[in-house]
């Protein structure tokens, strides 16, 4: 009986290991398509929209059953505002730096820098 249990344990372990490797062996696009196929409509909306409640936004919950982690949306150089999951104040949205550079307007670029530095 003990030998049988060991056999079953090792067989299941091997099957699970091979199955998990097969998933990650796929190219990223195939894995993404498979994940989206397995998501419910509500999960798809959640990934696009996240949570938007007063004082608690920019947070997208994970989907544990699919192994999708939660993530926090933060601002980069095109805006000023804190990241993190704590309640957040309002932020100033600014044009993307590349768009600003395309204007060749030095006065506008200087104003942009003044706002970011404030």
Protein backbone atom coordinates (compact mmCIF):
# COMPACT_ATOMS: atom_id res chain seq x y z
CA UNK A 1 0.00 0.00 0.00
CA UNK A 2 2.87 2.37 0.82
CA UNK A 3 4.49 1.75 -2.52
CA UNK A 4 1.19 2.49 -4.28
CA UNK A 5 0.85 5.84 -2.43
CA UNK A 6 4.38 6.84 -3.43
CA UNK A 7 3.65 5.89 -7.02
CA UNK A 8 0.44 7.97 -7.08
CA UNK A 9 2.17 10.93 -5.41
CA UNK A 10 5.08 10.97 -7.85
CA UNK A 11 2.83 10.46 -10.86
CA UNK A 12 0.57 13.37 -9.88
CA UNK A 13 3.57 15.58 -9.14
CA UNK A 14 5.04 14.84 -12.57
CA UNK A 15 1.74 15.47 -14.36
CA UNK A 16 1.21 18.79 -12.58
CA UNK A 17 4.78 19.90 -13.22
CA UNK A 18 4.55 19.10 -16.93
CA UNK A 19 1.20 20.90 -17.19
CA UNK A 20 2.48 24.07 -15.54
CA UNK A 21 5.55 24.15 -17.78
CA UNK A 22 3.36 23.74 -20.85
CA UNK A 23 1.41 26.89 -19.96
CA UNK A 24 4.56 29.01 -19.59
CA UNK A 25 6.13 27.50 -22.71
CA UNK A 26 3.49 29.21 -24.85
CA UNK A 27 4.35 32.55 -26.40
CA UNK A 28 3.07 35.60 -24.44
CA UNK A 29 0.30 36.41 -26.93
CA UNK A 30 -1.12 32.88 -26.71
CA UNK A 31 -1.03 33.02 -22.90
CA UNK A 32 -2.75 36.42 -22.93
CA UNK A 33 -5.47 35.16 -25.30
CA UNK A 34 -6.03 32.13 -23.05
CA UNK A 35 -6.30 34.33 -19.94
CA UNK A 36 -8.78 36.71 -21.58
CA UNK A 37 -10.82 33.73 -22.80
CA UNK A 38 -11.09 32.47 -19.20
CA UNK A 39 -12.10 35.86 -17.76
CA UNK A 40 -15.71 36.76 -17.05
CA UNK A 41 -17.16 39.99 -18.45
CA UNK A 42 -17.03 41.55 -14.96
CA UNK A 43 -13.34 40.62 -14.62
CA UNK A 44 -12.55 42.19 -18.00
CA UNK A 45 -14.34 45.40 -17.00
CA UNK A 46 -12.53 45.40 -13.65
CA UNK A 47 -9.14 45.14 -15.37
CA UNK A 48 -9.95 48.12 -17.59
CA UNK A 49 -11.71 50.26 -15.00
CA UNK A 50 -10.28 49.38 -11.60
CA UNK A 51 -11.78 50.82 -8.43
CA UNK A 52 -12.95 54.41 -8.46
CA UNK A 53 -14.25 55.49 -5.09
CA UNK A 54 -13.73 58.88 -3.44
CA UNK A 55 -10.22 58.93 -2.00
CA UNK A 56 -9.36 55.43 -3.23
CA UNK A 57 -8.77 55.20 -6.93
CA UNK A 58 -6.03 54.08 -9.31
CA UNK A 59 -6.17 50.54 -7.90
CA UNK A 60 -6.94 47.47 -9.99
CA UNK A 61 -7.68 44.35 -7.92
CA UNK A 62 -6.11 41.07 -8.93
CA UNK A 63 -7.89 37.94 -10.12
CA UNK A 64 -6.43 35.20 -7.90
CA UNK A 65 -8.14 32.30 -9.69
CA UNK A 66 -6.22 33.23 -12.87
CA UNK A 67 -2.99 34.22 -11.14
CA UNK A 68 -3.38 37.89 -12.14
CA UNK A 69 -1.89 40.16 -9.45
CA UNK A 70 -3.38 43.45 -8.29
CA UNK A 71 -1.63 46.59 -9.43
CA UNK A 72 -1.50 50.25 -8.52
CA UNK A 73 -1.64 52.92 -11.21
CA UNK A 74 0.72 55.83 -10.51
CA UNK A 75 1.69 58.96 -12.34
CA UNK A 76 4.90 59.46 -14.22
CA UNK A 77 6.57 62.67 -15.38
CA UNK A 78 3.43 63.73 -17.26
CA UNK A 79 1.50 64.41 -14.06
CA UNK A 80 1.93 65.09 -10.40
CA UNK A 81 0.26 62.86 -7.83
CA UNK A 82 1.10 60.18 -5.31
CA UNK A 83 0.87 56.47 -5.94
CA UNK A 84 0.09 53.83 -3.38
CA UNK A 85 -3.14 52.49 -1.96
CA UNK A 86 -3.67 55.20 0.64
CA UNK A 87 -6.40 57.82 0.06
CA UNK A 88 -5.14 60.23 -2.56
CA UNK A 89 -5.47 63.92 -3.15
CA UNK A 90 -6.34 65.35 -6.52
CA UNK A 91 -3.56 65.39 -9.11
CA UNK A 92 -2.66 67.75 -11.95
CA UNK A 93 -2.60 66.06 -15.35
CA UNK A 94 -0.05 67.50 -17.76
CA UNK A 95 0.70 66.80 -21.42
CA UNK A 96 3.08 63.96 -22.15
CA UNK A 97 6.69 65.21 -22.34
CA UNK A 98 6.99 64.06 -25.95
CA UNK A 99 3.90 66.09 -26.91
CA UNK A 100 5.29 69.11 -25.10
CA UNK A 101 8.62 68.77 -26.92
CA UNK A 102 6.83 68.58 -30.27
CA UNK A 103 5.47 72.11 -29.72
CA UNK A 104 9.00 73.63 -29.67
CA UNK A 105 7.51 76.16 -27.22
CA UNK A 106 10.22 76.94 -24.64
CA UNK A 107 7.91 79.16 -22.60
CA UNK A 108 5.35 76.36 -22.31
CA UNK A 109 8.08 73.86 -21.42
CA UNK A 110 9.32 76.21 -18.69
CA UNK A 111 5.77 76.57 -17.32
CA UNK A 112 5.41 72.78 -17.31
CA UNK A 113 8.63 72.47 -15.29
CA UNK A 114 7.42 75.13 -12.86
CA UNK A 115 4.18 73.22 -12.26
CA UNK A 116 6.00 69.92 -11.70
CA UNK A 117 8.47 71.57 -9.33
CA UNK A 118 5.77 73.32 -7.29
